[in-house]
Amino acid sequence: MADIERNSKHSAPAARIVTCPCCGGDSIYAPSNAYRPFCSERCKQVDLGAWASEDFRMPAEAPPGDAQYGDPRLQH
């Protein structure tokens, strides 16, 4: 019994299935998936393209303080 417990501790962990952040499908999160956390090269490239075109920007209420003309709400 001790041998079984010892061997199970040293066995490779099971691959986790996660949701692909691009398409929402299943993705294997393991070293065998070169595109993790994405399910495929296509999803990885789509995400990279969205990042490069700044689709992941956070909305801001006011322009940054170092903007050329400053905050228009403060100018009267």
C-alpha atoms as a PDB file:
ATOM      1  CA  MET A   1       0.000   0.000   0.000  1.00  0.00           C
ATOM      2  CA  ALA A   2       2.858   2.387   0.812  1.00  0.00           C
ATOM      3  CA  ASP A   3       4.339   1.781  -2.647  1.00  0.00           C
ATOM      4  CA  ILE A   4       1.064   2.793  -4.304  1.00  0.00           C
ATOM      5  CA  GLU A   5       0.878   6.016  -2.288  1.00  0.00           C
ATOM      6  CA  ARG A   6       4.513   6.821  -2.997  1.00  0.00           C
ATOM      7  CA  ASN A   7       4.096   6.272  -6.745  1.00  0.00           C
ATOM      8  CA  SER A   8       0.934   8.364  -6.913  1.00  0.00           C
ATOM      9  CA  LYS A   9       2.765  11.289  -5.310  1.00  0.00           C
ATOM     10  CA  HIS A  10       5.427  11.234  -8.017  1.00  0.00           C
ATOM     11  CA  SER A  11       3.179  10.774 -11.011  1.00  0.00           C
ATOM     12  CA  ALA A  12       2.665  13.659 -13.386  1.00  0.00           C
ATOM     13  CA  PRO A  13      -0.257  15.900 -12.478  1.00  0.00           C
ATOM     14  CA  ALA A  14      -3.325  15.611 -14.660  1.00  0.00           C
ATOM     15  CA  ALA A  15      -3.692  18.324 -17.267  1.00  0.00           C
ATOM     16  CA  ARG A  16      -6.221  20.980 -16.328  1.00  0.00           C
ATOM     17  CA  ILE A  17      -8.939  21.995 -18.738  1.00  0.00           C
ATOM     18  CA  VAL A  18      -9.514  25.759 -18.706  1.00  0.00           C
ATOM     19  CA  THR A  19     -11.670  28.081 -20.769  1.00  0.00           C
ATOM     20  CA  CYS A  20      -9.894  29.701 -23.713  1.00  0.00           C
ATOM     21  CA  PRO A  21      -9.967  33.479 -23.098  1.00  0.00           C
ATOM     22  CA  CYS A  22     -10.548  34.131 -26.803  1.00  0.00           C
ATOM     23  CA  CYS A  23     -13.184  31.676 -28.027  1.00  0.00           C
ATOM     24  CA  GLY A  24     -14.518  30.282 -24.755  1.00  0.00           C
ATOM     25  CA  GLY A  25     -13.784  26.685 -25.753  1.00  0.00           C
ATOM     26  CA  ASP A  26     -11.866  24.087 -23.776  1.00  0.00           C
ATOM     27  CA  SER A  27      -8.104  24.492 -23.591  1.00  0.00           C
ATOM     28  CA  ILE A  28      -5.537  22.125 -22.070  1.00  0.00           C
ATOM     29  CA  TYR A  29      -3.439  24.029 -19.553  1.00  0.00           C
ATOM     30  CA  ALA A  30      -0.286  21.926 -19.597  1.00  0.00           C
ATOM     31  CA  PRO A  31       3.240  22.180 -21.020  1.00  0.00           C
ATOM     32  CA  SER A  32       2.075  20.047 -23.954  1.00  0.00           C
ATOM     33  CA  ASN A  33      -0.096  22.976 -25.161  1.00  0.00           C
ATOM     34  CA  ALA A  34       2.311  25.563 -26.583  1.00  0.00           C
ATOM     35  CA  TYR A  35      -0.519  28.098 -26.876  1.00  0.00           C
ATOM     36  CA  ARG A  36      -1.783  27.917 -23.261  1.00  0.00           C
ATOM     37  CA  PRO A  37      -3.987  29.452 -21.939  1.00  0.00           C
ATOM     38  CA  PHE A  38      -5.374  29.615 -25.481  1.00  0.00           C
ATOM     39  CA  CYS A  39      -6.693  26.548 -27.267  1.00  0.00           C
ATOM     40  CA  SER A  40      -4.920  27.182 -30.577  1.00  0.00           C
ATOM     41  CA  GLU A  41      -2.469  29.385 -32.435  1.00  0.00           C
ATOM     42  CA  ARG A  42      -5.421  31.182 -34.047  1.00  0.00           C
ATOM     43  CA  CYS A  43      -6.868  32.246 -30.686  1.00  0.00           C
ATOM     44  CA  LYS A  44      -3.432  33.350 -29.488  1.00  0.00           C
ATOM     45  CA  GLN A  45      -2.949  35.484 -32.620  1.00  0.00           C
ATOM     46  CA  VAL A  46      -6.450  37.002 -32.364  1.00  0.00           C
ATOM     47  CA  ASP A  47      -5.698  38.030 -28.773  1.00  0.00           C
ATOM     48  CA  LEU A  48      -2.312  39.461 -29.761  1.00  0.00           C
ATOM     49  CA  GLY A  49      -3.959  41.483 -32.545  1.00  0.00           C
ATOM     50  CA  ALA A  50      -6.548  42.874 -30.121  1.00  0.00           C
ATOM     51  CA  TRP A  51      -3.795  43.816 -27.690  1.00  0.00           C
ATOM     52  CA  ALA A  52      -1.718  45.475 -30.438  1.00  0.00           C
ATOM     53  CA  SER A  53      -4.685  47.531 -31.650  1.00  0.00           C
ATOM     54  CA  GLU A  54      -5.376  48.615 -28.041  1.00  0.00           C
ATOM     55  CA  ASP A  55      -8.778  46.919 -27.831  1.00  0.00           C
ATOM     56  CA  PHE A  56      -8.039  46.141 -24.168  1.00  0.00           C
ATOM     57  CA  ARG A  57      -7.919  49.779 -23.043  1.00  0.00           C
ATOM     58  CA  MET A  58      -9.537  50.733 -19.768  1.00  0.00           C
ATOM     59  CA  PRO A  59     -12.053  53.559 -20.062  1.00  0.00           C
ATOM     60  CA  ALA A  60     -10.888  56.753 -18.415  1.00  0.00           C
ATOM     61  CA  GLU A  61     -13.043  59.588 -17.155  1.00  0.00           C
ATOM     62  CA  ALA A  62     -10.460  62.322 -17.677  1.00  0.00           C
ATOM     63  CA  PRO A  63      -7.414  62.647 -19.937  1.00  0.00           C
ATOM     64  CA  PRO A  64      -4.039  62.215 -18.270  1.00  0.00           C
ATOM     65  CA  GLY A  65      -2.581  65.271 -16.539  1.00  0.00           C
ATOM     66  CA  ASP A  66       0.233  65.467 -19.068  1.00  0.00           C
ATOM     67  CA  ALA A  67      -2.157  65.765 -22.032  1.00  0.00           C
ATOM     68  CA  GLN A  68      -1.365  68.666 -24.338  1.00  0.00           C
ATOM     69  CA  TYR A  69      -4.281  70.849 -23.164  1.00  0.00           C
ATOM     70  CA  GLY A  70      -4.968  69.257 -19.766  1.00  0.00           C
ATOM     71  CA  ASP A  71      -8.367  68.350 -18.443  1.00  0.00           C
ATOM     72  CA  PRO A  72     -11.084  70.252 -20.382  1.00  0.00           C
ATOM     73  CA  ARG A  73     -13.376  70.177 -17.317  1.00  0.00           C
ATOM     74  CA  LEU A  74     -10.898  72.377 -15.445  1.00  0.00           C
ATOM     75  CA  GLN A  75     -10.691  75.038 -18.172  1.00  0.00           C
ATOM     76  CA  HIS A  76     -13.312  77.779 -18.023  1.00  0.00           C
END
